[in-house]
Structures are given as C-alpha cells and as structure tokens.
Amino acid sequence: MRRLRAALALQHAGPAIVLALTLGAALWLHLDISPSGRVFGFAVAPSGERLQQPVSAGGRARAVACVPERASLGLREGDTAELRVRGQLGDPIPGTIVAVGPLVSALPLHCWPTPKVSAWGRVVTIAFDTPVALAPGQAFQITLDSPRGADGGRLVRRE
C-alpha cells in the first residue's frame, strides 16, 4: 500500500494507471483523480488483462461491424440491427445502420479470420437506438435485418 500511496502522491490530477501488488496477485488500477487529489473513480483488472472503464453511451453511441462480402450486398443506411453483448444473455439492443462502407473492399486486419488470410466485405456503422452502458472494445453478436437481399428478397444475416 505504501507504493500505491506514493504513486498517488506523484499524480496531481487526471487518470493514473498503477500496478498494485496485493496478496501476491498483481492488479492494474485505473484511477481518476481530481485536481484536489481525491480519487473519484476507479477500475480494477488482473495483470495481463486490458483495463476497461465502463462508459455511459447516449443515443450517439455506435458500433462498427465487419460484414462479409456475400452478407453485405443488400445492406443500406436505415436498415435495422439487433446487438447482443457477446457471452451474455438478455434482451437485444436495437440499432440502425447509419453508414455502409464502399461496395466491397478489404476489411481491416482485426476482422480477418486469421492474420495471413485477408477478408473482403463492408464496414457497417450501427447507431444504438437506446442509451446503454458499454465498455470500450465491447464485443457484440449482431443480427442485421435488411428488407432487400442481392436477389431482392428479405435478407437476415448474423455476424
């Protein structure tokens, strides 16, 4: 605890990330410190895991989805989406597609199935229709619902 107090004493204001050794376990602490030196928020994660600080997302919150080429052909702005937090049960979060990338392009590296095999498709931006609490980098299972497919029929795809 002395090391933690010393690290806090050096921090005047703003966020501080501290590695604390407690009971033989290493924990990362992310501390929000006011200009007067008071801690007003914190997050804790085991060492080796990424710190995630929950954020409140209003109606402007957005998710970005990498949609494979075949599944993306009928998507348009205004189509609906349902987002479920990956690994959790619960009601889906409704969303609306607000931007669709170029017709077909190479997807970003983090969307590739393996680092050596590129993937093609479209990047789709989805706006949340209701406010929701999120963590940065949160993963979702997304269902895209478009009234049109490549053949003009109804298109429902899961990512």
C-alpha atoms as a PDB file:
ATOM      1  CA  MET A   1       0.000   0.000   0.000  1.00  0.00           C
ATOM      2  CA  ARG A   2       2.926   2.369   0.573  1.00  0.00           C
ATOM      3  CA  ARG A   3       3.893   2.112  -3.103  1.00  0.00           C
ATOM      4  CA  LEU A   4       0.313   2.799  -4.134  1.00  0.00           C
ATOM      5  CA  ARG A   5       0.135   5.881  -1.890  1.00  0.00           C
ATOM      6  CA  ALA A   6       3.492   7.096  -3.229  1.00  0.00           C
ATOM      7  CA  ALA A   7       2.301   6.714  -6.814  1.00  0.00           C
ATOM      8  CA  LEU A   8      -0.879   8.606  -5.986  1.00  0.00           C
ATOM      9  CA  ALA A   9       1.073  11.396  -4.296  1.00  0.00           C
ATOM     10  CA  LEU A  10       3.012  11.964  -7.541  1.00  0.00           C
ATOM     11  CA  GLN A  11      -0.169  12.259  -9.576  1.00  0.00           C
ATOM     12  CA  HIS A  12      -1.712  15.735  -9.434  1.00  0.00           C
ATOM     13  CA  ALA A  13      -4.876  15.304 -11.472  1.00  0.00           C
ATOM     14  CA  GLY A  14      -6.248  13.176 -14.273  1.00  0.00           C
ATOM     15  CA  PRO A  15      -6.084   9.436 -14.823  1.00  0.00           C
ATOM     16  CA  ALA A  16      -3.390   7.292 -13.243  1.00  0.00           C
ATOM     17  CA  ILE A  17      -2.638   3.683 -14.043  1.00  0.00           C
ATOM     18  CA  VAL A  18      -0.920   1.871 -11.207  1.00  0.00           C
ATOM     19  CA  LEU A  19       0.313  -1.705 -10.844  1.00  0.00           C
ATOM     20  CA  ALA A  20      -0.513  -2.776  -7.293  1.00  0.00           C
ATOM     21  CA  LEU A  21       0.787  -5.982  -5.750  1.00  0.00           C
ATOM     22  CA  THR A  22      -1.737  -7.226  -3.198  1.00  0.00           C
ATOM     23  CA  LEU A  23      -1.806 -10.640  -1.556  1.00  0.00           C
ATOM     24  CA  GLY A  24       0.613 -11.986  -4.147  1.00  0.00           C
ATOM     25  CA  ALA A  25      -1.619 -11.000  -7.062  1.00  0.00           C
ATOM     26  CA  ALA A  26      -0.875  -8.154  -9.434  1.00  0.00           C
ATOM     27  CA  LEU A  27      -3.779  -5.865 -10.248  1.00  0.00           C
ATOM     28  CA  TRP A  28      -3.991  -2.929 -12.630  1.00  0.00           C
ATOM     29  CA  LEU A  29      -5.816   0.050 -11.166  1.00  0.00           C
ATOM     30  CA  HIS A  30      -7.065   2.903 -13.295  1.00  0.00           C
ATOM     31  CA  LEU A  31      -7.753   5.874 -11.010  1.00  0.00           C
ATOM     32  CA  ASP A  32      -9.485   9.119 -11.874  1.00  0.00           C
ATOM     33  CA  ILE A  33      -8.036  11.818  -9.640  1.00  0.00           C
ATOM     34  CA  SER A  34      -9.498  15.294  -9.116  1.00  0.00           C
ATOM     35  CA  PRO A  35      -7.271  18.406  -9.040  1.00  0.00           C
ATOM     36  CA  SER A  36      -7.543  18.352  -5.227  1.00  0.00           C
ATOM     37  CA  GLY A  37      -6.054  14.840  -5.182  1.00  0.00           C
ATOM     38  CA  ARG A  38      -9.234  12.886  -4.389  1.00  0.00           C
ATOM     39  CA  VAL A  39      -9.971   9.651  -6.208  1.00  0.00           C
ATOM     40  CA  PHE A  40     -13.430   9.904  -7.786  1.00  0.00           C
ATOM     41  CA  GLY A  41     -13.458   6.814  -9.965  1.00  0.00           C
ATOM     42  CA  PHE A  42     -11.527   3.611 -10.469  1.00  0.00           C
ATOM     43  CA  ALA A  43     -11.413   0.355 -12.409  1.00  0.00           C
ATOM     44  CA  VAL A  44      -9.569  -2.841 -11.465  1.00  0.00           C
ATOM     45  CA  ALA A  45      -8.367  -5.703 -13.669  1.00  0.00           C
ATOM     46  CA  PRO A  46      -5.980  -8.627 -13.127  1.00  0.00           C
ATOM     47  CA  SER A  47      -2.498  -8.002 -14.501  1.00  0.00           C
ATOM     48  CA  GLY A  48      -2.249  -9.148 -18.103  1.00  0.00           C
ATOM     49  CA  GLU A  49      -5.852  -8.225 -18.881  1.00  0.00           C
ATOM     50  CA  ARG A  50      -6.925  -4.995 -20.517  1.00  0.00           C
ATOM     51  CA  LEU A  51      -8.421  -2.301 -18.305  1.00  0.00           C
ATOM     52  CA  GLN A  52     -11.917  -1.437 -19.354  1.00  0.00           C
ATOM     53  CA  GLN A  53     -13.722   1.523 -17.931  1.00  0.00           C
ATOM     54  CA  PRO A  54     -17.497   1.417 -18.342  1.00  0.00           C
ATOM     55  CA  VAL A  55     -18.885   4.394 -20.182  1.00  0.00           C
ATOM     56  CA  SER A  56     -22.436   5.607 -20.430  1.00  0.00           C
ATOM     57  CA  ALA A  57     -23.449   5.790 -24.035  1.00  0.00           C
ATOM     58  CA  GLY A  58     -26.282   8.039 -25.092  1.00  0.00           C
ATOM     59  CA  GLY A  59     -28.159   7.914 -28.381  1.00  0.00           C
ATOM     60  CA  ARG A  60     -24.932   8.848 -30.220  1.00  0.00           C
ATOM     61  CA  ALA A  61     -23.205   5.552 -29.342  1.00  0.00           C
ATOM     62  CA  ARG A  62     -22.162   3.470 -32.330  1.00  0.00           C
ATOM     63  CA  ALA A  63     -20.809   0.024 -33.065  1.00  0.00           C
ATOM     64  CA  VAL A  64     -18.733  -0.900 -36.098  1.00  0.00           C
ATOM     65  CA  ALA A  65     -19.310  -4.268 -37.765  1.00  0.00           C
ATOM     66  CA  CYS A  66     -17.260  -6.044 -40.426  1.00  0.00           C
ATOM     67  CA  VAL A  67     -19.767  -7.742 -42.716  1.00  0.00           C
ATOM     68  CA  PRO A  68     -18.545 -10.455 -45.132  1.00  0.00           C
ATOM     69  CA  GLU A  69     -18.992  -9.720 -48.847  1.00  0.00           C
ATOM     70  CA  ARG A  70     -21.967 -12.009 -49.537  1.00  0.00           C
ATOM     71  CA  ALA A  71     -23.895 -10.885 -46.464  1.00  0.00           C
ATOM     72  CA  SER A  72     -23.333  -7.190 -47.167  1.00  0.00           C
ATOM     73  CA  LEU A  73     -24.724  -6.850 -50.686  1.00  0.00           C
ATOM     74  CA  GLY A  74     -28.278  -5.828 -49.734  1.00  0.00           C
ATOM     75  CA  LEU A  75     -27.456  -3.580 -46.772  1.00  0.00           C
ATOM     76  CA  ARG A  76     -28.441   0.098 -46.826  1.00  0.00           C
ATOM     77  CA  GLU A  77     -28.495   3.024 -44.415  1.00  0.00           C
ATOM     78  CA  GLY A  78     -31.669   2.871 -42.326  1.00  0.00           C
ATOM     79  CA  ASP A  79     -31.785  -0.942 -42.106  1.00  0.00           C
ATOM     80  CA  THR A  80     -32.301  -2.312 -38.603  1.00  0.00           C
ATOM     81  CA  ALA A  81     -29.898  -4.280 -36.433  1.00  0.00           C
ATOM     82  CA  GLU A  82     -30.051  -6.140 -33.135  1.00  0.00           C
ATOM     83  CA  LEU A  83     -26.956  -6.244 -30.950  1.00  0.00           C
ATOM     84  CA  ARG A  84     -26.389  -8.698 -28.113  1.00  0.00           C
ATOM     85  CA  VAL A  85     -23.423  -8.448 -25.792  1.00  0.00           C
ATOM     86  CA  ARG A  86     -21.252 -11.457 -26.644  1.00  0.00           C
ATOM     87  CA  GLY A  87     -21.345 -14.107 -23.927  1.00  0.00           C
ATOM     88  CA  GLN A  88     -24.310 -12.617 -22.043  1.00  0.00           C
ATOM     89  CA  LEU A  89     -28.000 -13.402 -22.021  1.00  0.00           C
ATOM     90  CA  GLY A  90     -30.574 -10.657 -22.170  1.00  0.00           C
ATOM     91  CA  ASP A  91     -32.700  -8.595 -24.460  1.00  0.00           C
ATOM     92  CA  PRO A  92     -31.145  -7.411 -27.714  1.00  0.00           C
ATOM     93  CA  ILE A  93     -30.161  -3.770 -28.084  1.00  0.00           C
ATOM     94  CA  PRO A  94     -31.905  -2.211 -31.097  1.00  0.00           C
ATOM     95  CA  GLY A  95     -29.825  -0.294 -33.613  1.00  0.00           C
ATOM     96  CA  THR A  96     -29.979   1.325 -37.024  1.00  0.00           C
ATOM     97  CA  ILE A  97     -27.368   1.217 -39.786  1.00  0.00           C
ATOM     98  CA  VAL A  98     -26.150   4.796 -40.262  1.00  0.00           C
ATOM     99  CA  ALA A  99     -23.209   4.215 -42.614  1.00  0.00           C
ATOM    100  CA  VAL A 100     -22.153   1.486 -45.031  1.00  0.00           C
ATOM    101  CA  GLY A 101     -18.628   1.272 -46.420  1.00  0.00           C
ATOM    102  CA  PRO A 102     -17.764   1.046 -50.122  1.00  0.00           C
ATOM    103  CA  LEU A 103     -19.370  -1.725 -52.131  1.00  0.00           C
ATOM    104  CA  VAL A 104     -16.582  -4.219 -51.442  1.00  0.00           C
ATOM    105  CA  SER A 105     -13.115  -3.679 -50.016  1.00  0.00           C
ATOM    106  CA  ALA A 106     -10.505  -5.436 -47.926  1.00  0.00           C
ATOM    107  CA  LEU A 107     -11.696  -5.468 -44.317  1.00  0.00           C
ATOM    108  CA  PRO A 108      -9.432  -4.167 -41.519  1.00  0.00           C
ATOM    109  CA  LEU A 109      -6.887  -6.645 -40.156  1.00  0.00           C
ATOM    110  CA  HIS A 110      -8.796  -7.244 -36.904  1.00  0.00           C
ATOM    111  CA  CYS A 111     -11.718  -8.607 -38.974  1.00  0.00           C
ATOM    112  CA  TRP A 112      -9.674 -11.283 -40.742  1.00  0.00           C
ATOM    113  CA  PRO A 113     -10.322 -14.906 -39.690  1.00  0.00           C
ATOM    114  CA  THR A 114      -6.556 -15.463 -39.453  1.00  0.00           C
ATOM    115  CA  PRO A 115      -3.743 -12.896 -39.734  1.00  0.00           C
ATOM    116  CA  LYS A 116      -2.498 -14.376 -43.027  1.00  0.00           C
ATOM    117  CA  VAL A 117      -5.876 -14.692 -44.782  1.00  0.00           C
ATOM    118  CA  SER A 118      -7.462 -11.404 -45.790  1.00  0.00           C
ATOM    119  CA  ALA A 119     -11.214 -10.927 -45.738  1.00  0.00           C
ATOM    120  CA  TRP A 120     -13.368  -8.862 -48.064  1.00  0.00           C
ATOM    121  CA  GLY A 121     -16.637  -7.153 -47.306  1.00  0.00           C
ATOM    122  CA  ARG A 122     -18.035  -3.894 -45.999  1.00  0.00           C
ATOM    123  CA  VAL A 123     -17.624  -1.979 -42.766  1.00  0.00           C
ATOM    124  CA  VAL A 124     -21.018  -1.008 -41.359  1.00  0.00           C
ATOM    125  CA  THR A 125     -21.637   1.579 -38.623  1.00  0.00           C
ATOM    126  CA  ILE A 126     -24.631   0.940 -36.371  1.00  0.00           C
ATOM    127  CA  ALA A 127     -26.140   3.590 -34.073  1.00  0.00           C
ATOM    128  CA  PHE A 128     -27.758   2.375 -30.852  1.00  0.00           C
ATOM    129  CA  ASP A 129     -31.432   3.347 -30.711  1.00  0.00           C
ATOM    130  CA  THR A 130     -31.495   3.359 -26.884  1.00  0.00           C
ATOM    131  CA  PRO A 131     -28.935   4.544 -24.300  1.00  0.00           C
ATOM    132  CA  VAL A 132     -26.767   1.711 -22.954  1.00  0.00           C
ATOM    133  CA  ALA A 133     -23.739   1.291 -20.653  1.00  0.00           C
ATOM    134  CA  LEU A 134     -20.734  -0.077 -22.567  1.00  0.00           C
ATOM    135  CA  ALA A 135     -17.076  -0.871 -22.095  1.00  0.00           C
ATOM    136  CA  PRO A 136     -14.514   0.200 -24.710  1.00  0.00           C
ATOM    137  CA  GLY A 137     -13.873  -2.651 -27.127  1.00  0.00           C
ATOM    138  CA  GLN A 138     -17.040  -4.497 -26.108  1.00  0.00           C
ATOM    139  CA  ALA A 139     -17.912  -7.346 -28.486  1.00  0.00           C
ATOM    140  CA  PHE A 140     -21.412  -7.969 -29.812  1.00  0.00           C
ATOM    141  CA  GLN A 141     -23.282 -10.651 -31.706  1.00  0.00           C
ATOM    142  CA  ILE A 142     -25.066  -8.648 -34.402  1.00  0.00           C
ATOM    143  CA  THR A 143     -28.141  -9.534 -36.449  1.00  0.00           C
ATOM    144  CA  LEU A 144     -28.611  -7.311 -39.494  1.00  0.00           C
ATOM    145  CA  ASP A 145     -32.088  -7.146 -40.988  1.00  0.00           C
ATOM    146  CA  SER A 146     -32.446  -5.713 -44.450  1.00  0.00           C
ATOM    147  CA  PRO A 147     -35.708  -5.682 -46.385  1.00  0.00           C
ATOM    148  CA  ARG A 148     -33.730  -6.455 -49.578  1.00  0.00           C
ATOM    149  CA  GLY A 149     -31.150  -9.043 -50.472  1.00  0.00           C
ATOM    150  CA  ALA A 150     -28.999  -9.308 -53.596  1.00  0.00           C
ATOM    151  CA  ASP A 151     -31.932 -11.080 -55.256  1.00  0.00           C
ATOM    152  CA  GLY A 152     -34.497  -8.543 -53.943  1.00  0.00           C
ATOM    153  CA  GLY A 153     -35.735 -10.901 -51.202  1.00  0.00           C
ATOM    154  CA  ARG A 154     -35.579 -10.442 -47.439  1.00  0.00           C
ATOM    155  CA  LEU A 155     -32.065 -10.667 -46.043  1.00  0.00           C
ATOM    156  CA  VAL A 156     -31.219 -11.572 -42.456  1.00  0.00           C
ATOM    157  CA  ARG A 157     -27.601 -12.187 -41.545  1.00  0.00           C
ATOM    158  CA  ARG A 158     -25.646 -12.883 -38.384  1.00  0.00           C
ATOM    159  CA  GLU A 159     -22.119 -11.721 -37.884  1.00  0.00           C
END
